[in-house]
Amino acid sequence: MTSQAKTFLALAAISLMALTSTVQAEETPAAVPAVEAAPSDLAPSDAGAAAAEPSEASPSEAAPSDLAPSVAAPPAPAPEPSPAEEAPPSIADEIDAAFGVIVGAMASVLFFSVGTFSKILPDGTTTGIALPLIVVWLLFGALFFTFFHRFLKLGLLRAQK
């Protein structure tokens, strides 16, 4: 194996590891809220006398702490900052805004619909399928360079002796 092939395989392995670690980080479940003990759970009980007796209150009169274990309430959502409290836009936001105008103009040209084809669906209805300009451009480029370079040279792919 050549050194170029080894380098390529090493870089491919590193990229694959980075990709899988990113995917695993996105799939990690959100943190589960912690269960807090109620103050009555922390207090020492009498020699089992009070703990052994059931509560005389009916379930409708019982306090919520008697019915279910105490669970920490989910944290309240953070209040949205007012316009006066917002941080100034970062450099990335400014670059995104500047290039957003350029990309929007390019998208309106590249994805311009050159034609529409109708497709008959299995239920008998028809639907229109748009043909974007970028697809036509890429097909033209592929055909042009295929003929310009006189098709693929598959003989060059076999191992050199």
Protein backbone atom coordinates (compact mmCIF):
# COMPACT_ATOMS: atom_id res chain seq x y z
CA MET A 1 0.00 0.00 0.00
CA THR A 2 1.40 3.38 -0.93
CA SER A 3 1.87 6.18 1.54
CA GLN A 4 -0.82 8.22 -0.24
CA ALA A 5 -3.33 5.40 0.20
CA LYS A 6 -2.42 5.06 3.88
CA THR A 7 -2.83 8.80 4.38
CA PHE A 8 -6.18 8.73 2.62
CA LEU A 9 -7.42 5.83 4.76
CA ALA A 10 -6.25 7.53 7.95
CA LEU A 11 -8.05 10.76 7.03
CA ALA A 12 -11.17 8.83 6.07
CA ALA A 13 -11.14 7.01 9.42
CA ILE A 14 -10.71 10.27 11.34
CA SER A 15 -13.56 11.88 9.41
CA LEU A 16 -15.79 8.88 10.06
CA MET A 17 -15.04 8.96 13.78
CA ALA A 18 -15.78 12.69 13.93
CA LEU A 19 -19.04 12.17 12.05
CA THR A 20 -20.21 9.34 14.30
CA SER A 21 -19.36 11.28 17.47
CA THR A 22 -21.37 14.23 16.17
CA VAL A 23 -24.36 12.00 15.39
CA GLN A 24 -24.15 10.35 18.82
CA ALA A 25 -24.03 13.76 20.52
CA GLU A 26 -27.19 14.82 18.68
CA GLU A 27 -29.00 11.61 19.67
CA THR A 28 -28.17 11.89 23.39
CA PRO A 29 -31.45 12.20 25.32
CA ALA A 30 -32.14 15.32 27.31
CA ALA A 31 -31.20 15.29 30.96
CA VAL A 32 -33.82 13.83 33.27
CA PRO A 33 -34.83 16.19 36.10
CA ALA A 34 -33.46 15.21 39.47
CA VAL A 35 -35.79 13.83 42.11
CA GLU A 36 -35.65 15.82 45.32
CA ALA A 37 -36.60 14.32 48.63
CA ALA A 38 -39.46 15.94 50.52
CA PRO A 39 -38.57 17.39 53.93
CA SER A 40 -40.76 14.74 55.56
CA ASP A 41 -38.57 12.06 53.96
CA LEU A 42 -35.45 13.60 55.47
CA ALA A 43 -36.79 13.95 59.04
CA PRO A 44 -36.15 11.04 61.36
CA SER A 45 -39.34 9.12 62.06
CA ASP A 46 -40.53 7.99 65.46
CA ALA A 47 -39.96 4.35 66.27
CA GLY A 48 -42.29 3.36 63.46
CA ALA A 49 -45.45 4.40 65.34
CA ALA A 50 -46.46 7.28 63.11
CA ALA A 51 -45.10 5.67 59.96
CA ALA A 52 -47.03 2.43 60.48
CA GLU A 53 -50.39 4.18 60.82
CA PRO A 54 -52.08 5.04 57.54
CA SER A 55 -53.16 8.59 56.96
CA GLU A 56 -56.72 9.20 58.16
CA ALA A 57 -57.42 11.71 55.43
CA SER A 58 -59.28 10.50 52.35
CA PRO A 59 -57.40 10.63 49.05
CA SER A 60 -59.25 13.80 48.05
CA GLU A 61 -58.17 15.50 51.32
CA ALA A 62 -54.62 14.18 51.29
CA ALA A 63 -51.80 16.55 50.56
CA PRO A 64 -50.02 16.04 47.24
CA SER A 65 -46.88 14.96 49.09
CA ASP A 66 -48.84 12.07 50.63
CA LEU A 67 -50.00 10.78 47.24
CA ALA A 68 -46.84 10.83 45.14
CA PRO A 69 -43.13 11.19 45.67
CA SER A 70 -41.82 14.69 45.42
CA VAL A 71 -40.31 15.45 42.02
CA ALA A 72 -38.47 18.62 41.22
CA ALA A 73 -40.58 20.89 39.06
CA PRO A 74 -39.19 21.42 35.58
CA PRO A 75 -37.23 24.61 35.35
CA ALA A 76 -39.19 27.61 34.18
CA PRO A 77 -38.33 28.68 30.64
CA ALA A 78 -35.89 31.54 30.49
CA PRO A 79 -37.58 34.84 29.80
CA GLU A 80 -37.01 36.11 26.30
CA PRO A 81 -34.66 39.06 26.32
CA SER A 82 -36.14 42.37 25.38
CA PRO A 83 -34.72 44.11 22.30
CA ALA A 84 -32.72 46.43 24.57
CA GLU A 85 -31.06 43.44 26.32
CA GLU A 86 -30.10 41.52 23.16
CA ALA A 87 -26.43 41.14 22.45
CA PRO A 88 -25.09 42.87 19.37
CA PRO A 89 -24.93 40.62 16.30
CA SER A 90 -21.79 38.56 16.06
CA ILE A 91 -19.45 38.56 13.09
CA ALA A 92 -20.97 35.25 11.96
CA ASP A 93 -24.46 36.83 11.99
CA GLU A 94 -23.21 39.78 9.93
CA ILE A 95 -21.52 37.47 7.40
CA ASP A 96 -24.67 35.35 7.21
CA ALA A 97 -26.82 38.42 6.57
CA ALA A 98 -24.45 39.72 3.86
CA PHE A 99 -24.16 36.41 2.02
CA GLY A 100 -27.86 35.67 2.52
CA VAL A 101 -28.69 38.34 -0.05
CA ILE A 102 -26.21 36.89 -2.57
CA VAL A 103 -27.30 33.28 -1.97
CA GLY A 104 -30.96 34.26 -2.28
CA ALA A 105 -30.33 35.83 -5.68
CA MET A 106 -28.32 32.80 -6.84
CA ALA A 107 -31.05 30.41 -5.66
CA SER A 108 -33.73 32.29 -7.57
CA VAL A 109 -31.67 31.89 -10.77
CA LEU A 110 -30.36 28.34 -10.28
CA PHE A 111 -33.68 26.88 -9.17
CA PHE A 112 -35.71 28.71 -11.83
CA SER A 113 -38.18 26.27 -13.36
CA VAL A 114 -37.29 25.63 -17.02
CA GLY A 115 -40.20 23.31 -17.67
CA THR A 116 -42.88 21.27 -16.01
CA PHE A 117 -43.69 17.63 -16.61
CA SER A 118 -46.87 15.94 -15.55
CA LYS A 119 -46.75 12.64 -13.75
CA ILE A 120 -49.73 10.32 -13.41
CA LEU A 121 -49.99 8.94 -9.88
CA PRO A 122 -51.32 5.43 -9.10
CA ASP A 123 -54.68 6.84 -7.99
CA GLY A 124 -55.18 8.42 -11.44
CA THR A 125 -54.46 12.03 -10.51
CA THR A 126 -51.75 14.04 -12.22
CA THR A 127 -49.15 16.26 -10.63
CA GLY A 128 -46.66 18.69 -12.10
CA ILE A 129 -42.92 18.17 -11.63
CA ALA A 130 -40.71 21.21 -12.18
CA LEU A 131 -37.35 20.94 -13.94
CA PRO A 132 -34.91 23.43 -12.35
CA LEU A 133 -32.26 25.21 -14.41
CA ILE A 134 -29.44 23.71 -12.32
CA VAL A 135 -30.44 20.17 -13.41
CA VAL A 136 -30.30 21.16 -17.08
CA TRP A 137 -26.94 22.90 -16.54
CA LEU A 138 -25.42 19.84 -14.81
CA LEU A 139 -26.71 17.46 -17.49
CA PHE A 140 -25.26 19.69 -20.23
CA GLY A 141 -21.90 19.85 -18.41
CA ALA A 142 -21.79 16.10 -17.91
CA LEU A 143 -22.51 15.37 -21.57
CA PHE A 144 -20.13 18.06 -22.83
CA PHE A 145 -17.16 16.90 -20.75
CA THR A 146 -17.90 13.23 -21.50
CA PHE A 147 -17.54 13.88 -25.22
CA PHE A 148 -14.73 16.45 -24.79
CA HIS A 149 -12.56 13.95 -22.90
CA ARG A 150 -13.62 11.10 -25.21
CA PHE A 151 -15.48 9.09 -22.56
CA LEU A 152 -13.95 7.29 -19.59
CA LYS A 153 -10.57 5.68 -19.97
CA LEU A 154 -11.23 2.52 -17.97
CA GLY A 155 -7.90 1.00 -19.04
CA LEU A 156 -6.11 3.55 -16.85
CA LEU A 157 -7.82 2.23 -13.73
CA ARG A 158 -6.15 -1.19 -13.74
CA ALA A 159 -2.99 -1.69 -11.74
CA GLN A 160 0.25 -0.50 -13.29
CA LYS A 161 3.02 -3.11 -13.61
